[in-house]
N, C-alpha and C. Protein backbone atom coordinates (compact mmCIF):
# COMPACT_ATOMS: atom_id res chain seq x y z
N MET A 1 -27.93 -135.74 -27.71
CA MET A 1 -28.61 -136.01 -26.42
C MET A 1 -30.09 -135.66 -26.56
N VAL A 2 -30.91 -136.45 -25.96
CA VAL A 2 -32.39 -136.27 -25.99
C VAL A 2 -32.84 -136.02 -24.54
N LEU A 3 -33.49 -134.88 -24.32
CA LEU A 3 -34.06 -134.54 -22.98
C LEU A 3 -35.37 -135.30 -22.76
N LYS A 4 -35.50 -136.03 -21.68
CA LYS A 4 -36.73 -136.86 -21.41
C LYS A 4 -37.26 -136.49 -20.02
N ASN A 5 -38.61 -136.37 -19.89
CA ASN A 5 -39.21 -136.13 -18.63
C ASN A 5 -39.43 -137.45 -17.96
N ILE A 6 -39.31 -137.45 -16.65
CA ILE A 6 -39.70 -138.57 -15.81
C ILE A 6 -41.03 -138.21 -15.18
N PRO A 7 -42.16 -138.83 -15.60
CA PRO A 7 -43.43 -138.49 -15.09
C PRO A 7 -43.49 -138.85 -13.60
N THR A 8 -44.43 -138.29 -12.83
CA THR A 8 -44.55 -138.61 -11.44
C THR A 8 -44.89 -140.04 -11.23
N VAL A 9 -44.05 -140.72 -10.34
CA VAL A 9 -44.21 -142.12 -10.04
C VAL A 9 -44.35 -142.31 -8.55
N ASP A 10 -45.38 -143.02 -8.09
CA ASP A 10 -45.54 -143.30 -6.70
C ASP A 10 -44.59 -144.42 -6.35
N ILE A 11 -43.70 -144.17 -5.40
CA ILE A 11 -42.72 -145.15 -4.94
C ILE A 11 -43.26 -146.07 -3.93
N GLY A 12 -43.24 -147.35 -4.20
CA GLY A 12 -43.78 -148.31 -3.27
C GLY A 12 -42.74 -148.84 -2.25
N THR A 13 -43.21 -149.75 -1.38
CA THR A 13 -42.27 -150.39 -0.47
C THR A 13 -41.57 -151.58 -1.07
N GLY A 14 -41.90 -151.90 -2.27
CA GLY A 14 -41.15 -152.83 -3.07
C GLY A 14 -40.49 -152.11 -4.18
N LEU A 15 -39.56 -152.72 -4.85
CA LEU A 15 -38.81 -152.06 -5.92
C LEU A 15 -39.78 -151.52 -6.98
N THR A 16 -39.73 -150.29 -7.36
CA THR A 16 -40.62 -149.59 -8.22
C THR A 16 -39.89 -149.03 -9.40
N LEU A 17 -40.37 -149.32 -10.64
CA LEU A 17 -39.80 -148.76 -11.84
C LEU A 17 -40.07 -147.26 -11.93
N VAL A 18 -38.97 -146.45 -11.98
CA VAL A 18 -39.09 -145.04 -12.16
C VAL A 18 -39.00 -144.58 -13.62
N TYR A 19 -38.06 -145.21 -14.35
CA TYR A 19 -37.90 -144.83 -15.76
C TYR A 19 -37.16 -145.95 -16.45
N SER A 20 -37.63 -146.30 -17.65
CA SER A 20 -37.00 -147.29 -18.56
C SER A 20 -36.15 -146.58 -19.56
N ILE A 21 -34.87 -146.86 -19.54
CA ILE A 21 -33.92 -146.19 -20.46
C ILE A 21 -34.04 -146.84 -21.82
N THR A 22 -34.08 -146.06 -22.89
CA THR A 22 -34.17 -146.58 -24.24
C THR A 22 -33.05 -147.55 -24.50
N PRO A 23 -33.35 -148.79 -25.06
CA PRO A 23 -32.26 -149.76 -25.34
C PRO A 23 -31.13 -149.17 -26.18
N GLY A 24 -29.91 -149.44 -25.72
CA GLY A 24 -28.70 -148.98 -26.45
C GLY A 24 -28.29 -147.63 -26.06
N ARG A 25 -28.92 -146.98 -25.09
CA ARG A 25 -28.53 -145.68 -24.63
C ARG A 25 -28.21 -145.70 -23.14
N THR A 26 -27.50 -144.64 -22.70
CA THR A 26 -27.31 -144.42 -21.30
C THR A 26 -28.06 -143.12 -20.96
N ALA A 27 -28.27 -142.95 -19.64
CA ALA A 27 -29.03 -141.76 -19.18
C ALA A 27 -28.21 -140.98 -18.22
N ILE A 28 -28.37 -139.65 -18.28
CA ILE A 28 -27.74 -138.76 -17.33
C ILE A 28 -28.79 -138.01 -16.60
N ILE A 29 -28.98 -138.28 -15.29
CA ILE A 29 -30.02 -137.65 -14.54
C ILE A 29 -29.69 -136.18 -14.36
N LYS A 30 -30.64 -135.34 -14.65
CA LYS A 30 -30.46 -133.91 -14.53
C LYS A 30 -31.15 -133.41 -13.26
N GLN A 31 -32.35 -133.96 -12.92
CA GLN A 31 -33.00 -133.53 -11.68
C GLN A 31 -34.00 -134.65 -11.29
N LEU A 32 -34.05 -134.90 -9.97
CA LEU A 32 -35.07 -135.71 -9.41
C LEU A 32 -35.76 -134.94 -8.30
N THR A 33 -37.06 -134.92 -8.25
CA THR A 33 -37.78 -134.22 -7.23
C THR A 33 -38.60 -135.21 -6.45
N PHE A 34 -38.42 -135.31 -5.16
CA PHE A 34 -39.13 -136.29 -4.28
C PHE A 34 -40.17 -135.56 -3.51
N THR A 35 -41.33 -136.13 -3.39
CA THR A 35 -42.42 -135.57 -2.61
C THR A 35 -42.88 -136.62 -1.57
N ASN A 36 -43.09 -136.14 -0.35
CA ASN A 36 -43.63 -137.03 0.71
C ASN A 36 -44.91 -136.46 1.20
N THR A 37 -46.03 -137.19 0.99
CA THR A 37 -47.34 -136.74 1.42
C THR A 37 -47.74 -137.30 2.79
N SER A 38 -46.92 -138.12 3.38
CA SER A 38 -47.22 -138.73 4.63
C SER A 38 -46.86 -137.82 5.79
N ALA A 39 -47.39 -138.14 6.99
CA ALA A 39 -47.11 -137.35 8.17
C ALA A 39 -45.80 -137.69 8.88
N SER A 40 -45.08 -138.64 8.32
CA SER A 40 -43.77 -139.10 8.85
C SER A 40 -42.71 -139.00 7.78
N PRO A 41 -41.45 -138.78 8.18
CA PRO A 41 -40.32 -138.81 7.24
C PRO A 41 -40.27 -140.17 6.56
N LEU A 42 -39.83 -140.19 5.32
CA LEU A 42 -39.71 -141.44 4.55
C LEU A 42 -38.29 -141.42 3.96
N THR A 43 -37.65 -142.64 4.00
CA THR A 43 -36.35 -142.86 3.26
C THR A 43 -36.62 -143.56 1.97
N VAL A 44 -36.02 -143.01 0.93
CA VAL A 44 -36.09 -143.58 -0.41
C VAL A 44 -34.73 -143.92 -0.93
N SER A 45 -34.59 -145.09 -1.51
CA SER A 45 -33.35 -145.50 -2.12
C SER A 45 -33.58 -145.60 -3.63
N VAL A 46 -32.64 -145.04 -4.45
CA VAL A 46 -32.83 -144.99 -5.89
C VAL A 46 -31.65 -145.80 -6.45
N TYR A 47 -31.98 -146.63 -7.54
CA TYR A 47 -30.97 -147.57 -8.05
C TYR A 47 -30.84 -147.41 -9.56
N ASP A 48 -29.60 -147.68 -10.05
CA ASP A 48 -29.37 -147.81 -11.50
C ASP A 48 -29.53 -149.30 -11.78
N GLY A 49 -30.63 -149.66 -12.31
CA GLY A 49 -30.95 -151.08 -12.60
C GLY A 49 -31.90 -151.61 -11.57
N SER A 50 -31.79 -152.91 -11.36
CA SER A 50 -32.87 -153.58 -10.55
C SER A 50 -32.50 -153.74 -9.07
N GLY A 51 -31.97 -152.66 -8.47
CA GLY A 51 -31.73 -152.70 -7.05
C GLY A 51 -30.34 -153.02 -6.59
N ILE A 52 -29.40 -153.15 -7.45
CA ILE A 52 -28.03 -153.49 -7.04
C ILE A 52 -27.11 -152.30 -6.91
N THR A 53 -27.09 -151.44 -7.96
CA THR A 53 -26.18 -150.30 -8.00
C THR A 53 -26.91 -149.11 -7.44
N SER A 54 -26.51 -148.65 -6.27
CA SER A 54 -27.17 -147.52 -5.62
C SER A 54 -26.82 -146.19 -6.23
N ILE A 55 -27.80 -145.33 -6.46
CA ILE A 55 -27.55 -143.99 -6.93
C ILE A 55 -27.68 -143.04 -5.77
N LEU A 56 -28.68 -143.20 -4.88
CA LEU A 56 -28.92 -142.24 -3.88
C LEU A 56 -29.82 -142.82 -2.79
N LYS A 57 -29.57 -142.47 -1.58
CA LYS A 57 -30.50 -142.78 -0.45
C LYS A 57 -30.75 -141.48 0.27
N VAL A 58 -32.02 -141.08 0.35
CA VAL A 58 -32.38 -139.79 0.84
C VAL A 58 -33.62 -139.95 1.72
N THR A 59 -33.65 -139.10 2.84
CA THR A 59 -34.75 -139.04 3.74
C THR A 59 -35.53 -137.78 3.41
N ILE A 60 -36.81 -137.96 3.16
CA ILE A 60 -37.70 -136.83 2.81
C ILE A 60 -38.51 -136.49 4.09
N PRO A 61 -38.37 -135.24 4.56
CA PRO A 61 -39.17 -134.89 5.73
C PRO A 61 -40.71 -135.02 5.48
N ALA A 62 -41.48 -135.17 6.53
CA ALA A 62 -42.87 -135.28 6.45
C ALA A 62 -43.52 -134.14 5.66
N THR A 63 -44.48 -134.45 4.83
CA THR A 63 -45.24 -133.45 4.04
C THR A 63 -44.30 -132.42 3.35
N SER A 64 -43.27 -132.90 2.67
CA SER A 64 -42.27 -132.05 2.08
C SER A 64 -41.91 -132.46 0.65
N THR A 65 -41.23 -131.56 -0.02
CA THR A 65 -40.61 -131.85 -1.32
C THR A 65 -39.14 -131.57 -1.24
N LEU A 66 -38.37 -132.43 -1.83
CA LEU A 66 -36.92 -132.39 -1.74
C LEU A 66 -36.31 -132.57 -3.12
N VAL A 67 -35.31 -131.72 -3.49
CA VAL A 67 -34.60 -131.82 -4.68
C VAL A 67 -33.07 -131.95 -4.38
N PRO A 68 -32.62 -133.20 -4.26
CA PRO A 68 -31.25 -133.41 -3.82
C PRO A 68 -30.23 -133.09 -4.97
N ALA A 69 -29.18 -132.40 -4.66
CA ALA A 69 -28.15 -132.07 -5.63
C ALA A 69 -27.26 -133.29 -6.01
N GLU A 70 -27.31 -134.32 -5.15
CA GLU A 70 -26.40 -135.43 -5.33
C GLU A 70 -26.61 -136.18 -6.64
N VAL A 71 -27.81 -136.09 -7.27
CA VAL A 71 -28.09 -136.89 -8.43
C VAL A 71 -27.88 -136.05 -9.76
N ILE A 72 -27.59 -134.81 -9.65
CA ILE A 72 -27.39 -133.94 -10.87
C ILE A 72 -26.18 -134.49 -11.64
N ASN A 73 -26.37 -134.75 -12.91
CA ASN A 73 -25.40 -135.29 -13.84
C ASN A 73 -24.92 -136.71 -13.50
N ARG A 74 -25.70 -137.45 -12.79
CA ARG A 74 -25.36 -138.83 -12.49
C ARG A 74 -25.68 -139.73 -13.65
N ARG A 75 -24.68 -140.46 -14.13
CA ARG A 75 -24.82 -141.33 -15.31
C ARG A 75 -25.40 -142.67 -14.88
N CYS A 76 -26.36 -143.17 -15.62
CA CYS A 76 -26.98 -144.50 -15.40
C CYS A 76 -26.66 -145.36 -16.64
N THR A 77 -26.16 -146.53 -16.36
CA THR A 77 -25.72 -147.38 -17.51
C THR A 77 -26.55 -148.62 -17.64
N LYS A 78 -27.47 -148.87 -16.66
CA LYS A 78 -28.32 -150.07 -16.74
C LYS A 78 -29.54 -149.73 -17.61
N ASP A 79 -30.53 -150.66 -17.68
CA ASP A 79 -31.62 -150.43 -18.56
C ASP A 79 -32.84 -149.74 -17.85
N MET A 80 -32.65 -149.43 -16.60
CA MET A 80 -33.79 -148.80 -15.91
C MET A 80 -33.31 -148.10 -14.65
N ILE A 81 -34.12 -147.15 -14.12
CA ILE A 81 -33.94 -146.49 -12.86
C ILE A 81 -35.10 -146.98 -11.98
N THR A 82 -34.76 -147.44 -10.72
CA THR A 82 -35.73 -147.98 -9.81
C THR A 82 -35.60 -147.28 -8.48
N ALA A 83 -36.66 -147.40 -7.63
CA ALA A 83 -36.63 -146.86 -6.30
C ALA A 83 -37.46 -147.67 -5.37
N VAL A 84 -37.22 -147.52 -4.09
CA VAL A 84 -37.98 -148.20 -3.06
C VAL A 84 -38.03 -147.26 -1.84
N ALA A 85 -39.19 -147.22 -1.17
CA ALA A 85 -39.42 -146.41 -0.01
C ALA A 85 -39.63 -147.24 1.26
N ASP A 86 -39.38 -146.72 2.43
CA ASP A 86 -39.61 -147.46 3.69
C ASP A 86 -41.04 -147.24 4.22
N GLY A 87 -41.92 -146.66 3.38
CA GLY A 87 -43.33 -146.48 3.78
C GLY A 87 -44.12 -145.96 2.58
N VAL A 88 -45.33 -145.64 2.80
CA VAL A 88 -46.20 -145.05 1.65
C VAL A 88 -46.30 -143.61 1.71
N GLY A 89 -46.46 -143.02 0.56
CA GLY A 89 -46.62 -141.57 0.47
C GLY A 89 -45.55 -140.86 -0.36
N ALA A 90 -44.52 -141.55 -0.81
CA ALA A 90 -43.42 -140.96 -1.53
C ALA A 90 -43.67 -141.05 -3.07
N SER A 91 -43.23 -140.04 -3.76
CA SER A 91 -43.32 -140.02 -5.22
C SER A 91 -42.06 -139.29 -5.70
N VAL A 92 -41.75 -139.51 -7.01
CA VAL A 92 -40.61 -138.89 -7.65
C VAL A 92 -40.99 -138.51 -9.05
N ASP A 93 -40.41 -137.38 -9.53
CA ASP A 93 -40.45 -136.98 -10.97
C ASP A 93 -39.16 -136.28 -11.25
N GLY A 94 -39.01 -135.85 -12.52
CA GLY A 94 -37.79 -135.12 -12.87
C GLY A 94 -37.48 -135.21 -14.33
N TYR A 95 -36.27 -135.07 -14.70
CA TYR A 95 -35.90 -135.28 -16.09
C TYR A 95 -34.45 -135.72 -16.23
N LEU A 96 -34.11 -136.26 -17.42
CA LEU A 96 -32.81 -136.75 -17.66
C LEU A 96 -32.48 -136.60 -19.15
N GLU A 97 -31.26 -136.84 -19.53
CA GLU A 97 -30.85 -136.83 -20.93
C GLU A 97 -30.41 -138.22 -21.26
N GLU A 98 -30.88 -138.72 -22.45
CA GLU A 98 -30.37 -139.97 -22.95
C GLU A 98 -29.39 -139.67 -24.05
N GLU A 99 -28.35 -140.59 -24.05
CA GLU A 99 -27.32 -140.36 -25.09
C GLU A 99 -26.96 -141.77 -25.69
């Protein structure tokens, strides 16, 4: 297994690429950290692939950081991890293992 960092990605209101999984590998999410810099709560949906297989839907309080336990050790089998927010100001980073 290879530990990989997910650099900080600003999540848009359209489907946003969070991480491209190395071809031929699967990924196991170890931690995702969400940050909301806006003055309103934001809802973020995270997907395994291009928006079909849901991993997580989380509401981040205004001007807060959130580390949800629901994604720890979550296996991703598609070629990418994507996310979409219902407004502007959300970002995500973290790390995963590829195998």
